[in-house]
Amino acid sequence: MAIPTVFDITFGCGHAGQVDAADRAADQRGPWISYLSSKGMCPDCFEATRDKRRELARTQWIAGRRKEEEVAIGAWEGEAAAMTLTGSVTPRSWPPTISTRSAPWSVRGGGGWPPTATTCGTWCGAGRPWPTGRSRW
């Protein structure tokens, strides 16, 4: 006598159908069929609820990520002791200027950016050649 592999069951959603259990071991067929009878969904109901389940999983994932980011941001703010920004949102009426004397890239014999001297001057130290080996940037 052959062992049956196709069973007629009523799914947990209330619909009736056939289940092929040939891919299950003989000792695993009974628990699997009882699960489908109590909590399982038929293929039609499964497909109909797929978008709802995906959307639910997506929103739960996004909420988890936001919570992780908020925890990370809070930890960073605590470590960095960031100050709150103050000031107005109106732009300045004049642009800020930078003096060539106070600029760190001003070089002996020229000044300004890009440096044109063959040695690095104040940028790398007195008289050293450029790190790139070129005379200009």
Protein backbone atom coordinates (compact mmCIF):
# COMPACT_ATOMS: atom_id res chain seq x y z
CA MET A 1 0.00 0.00 0.00
CA ALA A 2 1.37 3.42 -1.00
CA ILE A 3 1.74 6.23 1.51
CA PRO A 4 -0.61 9.11 0.59
CA THR A 5 1.09 12.41 -0.28
CA VAL A 6 -1.92 14.51 -1.39
CA PHE A 7 -4.34 15.57 1.35
CA ASP A 8 -7.67 17.43 1.27
CA ILE A 9 -7.67 20.01 4.08
CA THR A 10 -9.47 23.13 5.20
CA PHE A 11 -6.92 25.92 5.65
CA GLY A 12 -6.88 28.28 8.63
CA CYS A 13 -8.39 30.99 6.42
CA GLY A 14 -11.49 28.80 5.88
CA HIS A 15 -10.91 27.79 2.26
CA ALA A 16 -10.61 24.15 1.27
CA GLY A 17 -7.91 22.75 -0.96
CA GLN A 18 -5.43 20.00 -1.64
CA VAL A 19 -1.90 19.91 -0.31
CA ASP A 20 0.90 17.84 -1.82
CA ALA A 21 3.20 16.72 0.98
CA ALA A 22 5.49 14.58 -1.16
CA ASP A 23 8.46 16.84 -0.45
CA ARG A 24 8.08 16.32 3.34
CA ALA A 25 9.38 13.38 5.30
CA ALA A 26 6.70 10.97 6.52
CA ASP A 27 7.13 11.98 10.16
CA GLN A 28 6.85 15.72 9.29
CA ARG A 29 3.64 15.54 7.24
CA GLY A 30 1.23 15.34 10.18
CA PRO A 31 2.50 18.43 12.05
CA TRP A 32 2.72 20.41 8.80
CA ILE A 33 -0.88 19.55 7.80
CA SER A 34 -2.19 20.39 11.29
CA TYR A 35 -0.38 23.76 11.13
CA LEU A 36 -1.92 24.55 7.74
CA SER A 37 -5.35 23.54 9.09
CA SER A 38 -5.08 25.83 12.11
CA LYS A 39 -2.96 28.83 11.03
CA GLY A 40 -2.13 28.39 7.35
CA MET A 41 -3.50 30.31 4.37
CA CYS A 42 -4.56 29.00 1.02
CA PRO A 43 -2.46 30.15 -1.96
CA ASP A 44 -5.13 32.68 -3.04
CA CYS A 45 -5.31 34.34 0.41
CA PHE A 46 -1.53 34.29 0.66
CA GLU A 47 -1.18 36.18 -2.63
CA ALA A 48 -3.97 38.60 -1.70
CA THR A 49 -2.26 39.59 1.56
CA ARG A 50 1.29 39.73 0.22
CA ASP A 51 1.30 43.51 -0.34
CA LYS A 52 -0.13 44.15 3.13
CA ARG A 53 2.52 41.95 4.74
CA ARG A 54 5.31 43.59 2.76
CA GLU A 55 4.11 47.08 3.68
CA LEU A 56 3.87 46.09 7.34
CA ALA A 57 7.38 44.63 7.29
CA ARG A 58 8.70 47.73 5.51
CA THR A 59 7.17 50.16 8.00
CA GLN A 60 8.47 48.09 10.92
CA TRP A 61 11.95 48.04 9.36
CA ILE A 62 11.89 51.82 8.78
CA ALA A 63 10.71 52.46 12.36
CA GLY A 64 13.53 50.27 13.67
CA ARG A 65 16.11 52.09 11.56
CA ARG A 66 14.84 55.50 12.74
CA LYS A 67 15.03 54.36 16.35
CA GLU A 68 18.62 53.15 15.83
CA GLU A 69 19.55 56.45 14.17
CA GLU A 70 18.01 58.47 17.01
CA VAL A 71 19.98 56.44 19.56
CA ALA A 72 23.19 56.91 17.56
CA ILE A 73 22.55 60.65 17.17
CA GLY A 74 21.85 61.00 20.89
CA ALA A 75 25.07 59.17 21.74
CA TRP A 76 27.06 61.33 19.34
CA GLU A 77 25.55 64.54 20.73
CA GLY A 78 26.45 63.42 24.22
CA GLU A 79 30.04 62.62 23.22
CA ALA A 80 30.59 65.72 21.12
CA ALA A 81 28.71 68.05 23.47
CA ALA A 82 27.54 69.97 20.43
CA MET A 83 26.50 73.55 21.01
CA THR A 84 23.19 74.79 19.72
CA LEU A 85 23.38 77.11 16.76
CA THR A 86 22.53 80.75 17.29
CA GLY A 87 22.17 83.67 14.95
CA SER A 88 19.83 84.83 12.26
CA VAL A 89 18.94 83.26 8.96
CA THR A 90 19.38 86.50 7.02
CA PRO A 91 22.44 86.56 4.77
CA ARG A 92 25.25 89.03 5.20
CA SER A 93 25.25 92.09 3.01
CA TRP A 94 29.00 91.79 2.35
CA PRO A 95 31.16 88.71 1.74
CA PRO A 96 33.82 87.84 4.28
CA THR A 97 37.39 88.50 3.13
CA ILE A 98 40.54 86.55 3.88
CA SER A 99 43.84 88.31 4.24
CA THR A 100 46.78 86.71 2.42
CA ARG A 101 48.90 87.30 5.52
CA SER A 102 46.64 85.18 7.72
CA ALA A 103 45.87 82.51 5.12
CA PRO A 104 47.77 79.27 5.81
CA TRP A 105 48.47 78.70 2.13
CA SER A 106 50.26 81.95 1.47
CA VAL A 107 53.77 81.15 0.26
CA ARG A 108 56.97 83.11 0.22
CA GLY A 109 57.51 85.01 -2.95
CA GLY A 110 53.97 84.98 -4.21
CA GLY A 111 51.05 84.44 -1.92
CA GLY A 112 47.53 83.59 -2.91
CA TRP A 113 46.10 80.36 -4.19
CA PRO A 114 47.19 78.21 -5.96
CA PRO A 115 50.84 78.47 -4.86
CA THR A 116 53.24 79.23 -7.68
CA ALA A 117 56.62 78.99 -5.94
CA THR A 118 58.94 76.06 -6.62
CA THR A 119 59.48 75.51 -2.90
CA CYS A 120 56.77 75.14 -0.39
CA GLY A 121 57.62 78.05 1.92
CA THR A 122 55.25 78.30 4.87
CA TRP A 123 53.01 75.50 3.63
CA CYS A 124 55.45 72.61 4.10
CA GLY A 125 58.32 74.36 5.88
CA ALA A 126 61.10 76.59 4.66
CA GLY A 127 62.68 75.55 1.39
CA ARG A 128 61.21 72.07 0.96
CA PRO A 129 60.11 71.07 -2.52
CA TRP A 130 56.43 70.47 -3.21
CA PRO A 131 55.24 66.99 -2.18
CA THR A 132 54.07 66.35 -5.74
CA GLY A 133 57.47 67.22 -7.23
CA ARG A 134 55.83 69.79 -9.50
CA SER A 135 56.47 73.50 -9.59
CA ARG A 136 52.73 74.26 -9.55
CA TRP A 137 49.58 72.65 -8.32
